[in-house]
Amino acid sequence: MEFHRTESSQNTRYSYEGLGRLKSIEIKGRAYEKYLCVAEVLIEFVLLAALFNRGFVSHDYHGGLPKSFKFNHLPEDYEKATRMLMN
């Protein structure tokens, strides 16, 4: 995973690229780009969960999200954060 230094992050000095881009979209007021970026971040979440668990999901895009919740090793509040982004 690659982390990028951000000056505007309040919780940590580092953030994932996709989440940083989502924050940038919010700041710049580009609501029309928001949904595409959220979809990209969610796909990255599924792929990272599969990699951490050395497994795979059998569905693409949003079909893989519910399957990713069943992995044994997930970050704290993974399902909660993912569902929040979905809505």
Protein backbone atom coordinates (compact mmCIF):
# COMPACT_ATOMS: atom_id res chain seq x y z
CA MET A 1 0.00 0.00 0.00
CA GLU A 2 1.19 3.46 -0.76
CA PHE A 3 0.52 6.33 1.58
CA HIS A 4 0.67 9.98 0.67
CA ARG A 5 1.48 12.84 3.03
CA THR A 6 -1.37 15.32 3.38
CA GLU A 7 -1.31 18.56 5.31
CA SER A 8 -5.09 18.87 5.68
CA SER A 9 -5.76 15.57 7.42
CA GLN A 10 -6.86 16.07 11.01
CA ASN A 11 -6.60 12.49 12.28
CA THR A 12 -3.32 11.46 10.74
CA ARG A 13 -0.65 12.85 8.46
CA TYR A 14 -1.15 9.98 6.02
CA SER A 15 -4.17 8.88 4.01
CA TYR A 16 -4.97 6.50 1.20
CA GLU A 17 -4.94 8.00 -2.26
CA GLY A 18 -8.63 7.31 -2.96
CA LEU A 19 -9.81 8.72 0.36
CA GLY A 20 -7.66 11.80 -0.18
CA ARG A 21 -9.20 12.27 -3.61
CA LEU A 22 -12.68 11.95 -2.09
CA LYS A 23 -11.82 14.63 0.46
CA SER A 24 -10.52 16.86 -2.34
CA ILE A 25 -13.77 16.44 -4.27
CA GLU A 26 -15.72 17.54 -1.20
CA ILE A 27 -13.50 20.59 -0.66
CA LYS A 28 -13.66 21.64 -4.31
CA GLY A 29 -17.44 21.13 -4.44
CA ARG A 30 -17.39 18.70 -7.35
CA ALA A 31 -20.44 16.70 -6.38
CA TYR A 32 -20.73 15.20 -9.85
CA GLU A 33 -17.41 13.34 -9.31
CA LYS A 34 -18.29 12.06 -5.86
CA TYR A 35 -20.14 8.87 -6.81
CA LEU A 36 -17.47 7.68 -9.21
CA CYS A 37 -14.78 8.24 -6.60
CA VAL A 38 -16.79 6.46 -3.88
CA ALA A 39 -17.23 3.45 -6.16
CA GLU A 40 -13.48 3.39 -6.76
CA VAL A 41 -12.72 3.55 -3.03
CA LEU A 42 -15.17 0.74 -2.28
CA ILE A 43 -13.55 -1.48 -4.92
CA GLU A 44 -10.16 -0.73 -3.36
CA PHE A 45 -11.57 -1.73 0.05
CA VAL A 46 -12.71 -5.10 -1.33
CA LEU A 47 -9.37 -5.74 -3.02
CA LEU A 48 -7.40 -4.84 0.11
CA ALA A 49 -9.59 -7.09 2.27
CA ALA A 50 -9.03 -9.96 -0.16
CA LEU A 51 -5.28 -9.37 -0.18
CA PHE A 52 -5.03 -9.20 3.62
CA ASN A 53 -6.94 -12.46 3.89
CA ARG A 54 -5.14 -14.12 1.00
CA GLY A 55 -8.51 -14.83 -0.53
CA PHE A 56 -10.70 -13.61 -3.32
CA VAL A 57 -14.23 -12.43 -4.01
CA SER A 58 -16.28 -14.01 -6.75
CA HIS A 59 -18.19 -10.85 -7.72
CA ASP A 60 -17.08 -7.53 -9.13
CA TYR A 61 -17.92 -4.06 -7.93
CA HIS A 62 -20.71 -3.81 -5.36
CA GLY A 63 -21.47 -7.53 -5.53
CA GLY A 64 -18.13 -8.21 -3.84
CA LEU A 65 -18.78 -5.97 -0.84
CA PRO A 66 -21.07 -8.32 1.13
CA LYS A 67 -18.63 -11.17 0.44
CA SER A 68 -15.74 -9.11 1.79
CA PHE A 69 -17.53 -8.71 5.15
CA LYS A 70 -17.13 -12.47 5.70
CA PHE A 71 -13.31 -12.43 5.71
CA ASN A 72 -11.70 -13.35 9.03
CA HIS A 73 -9.15 -10.54 9.18
CA LEU A 74 -10.67 -7.11 8.63
CA PRO A 75 -9.74 -3.65 9.87
CA GLU A 76 -11.70 -2.33 12.81
CA ASP A 77 -15.10 -0.97 11.74
CA TYR A 78 -14.54 -2.15 8.15
CA GLU A 79 -18.18 -3.06 7.54
CA LYS A 80 -19.45 0.11 9.22
CA ALA A 81 -17.15 2.38 7.16
CA THR A 82 -17.96 0.53 3.95
CA ARG A 83 -21.71 0.73 4.49
CA MET A 84 -21.40 4.44 5.32
CA LEU A 85 -19.67 5.06 1.98
CA MET A 86 -22.30 3.00 0.15
CA ASN A 87 -25.11 5.28 1.36
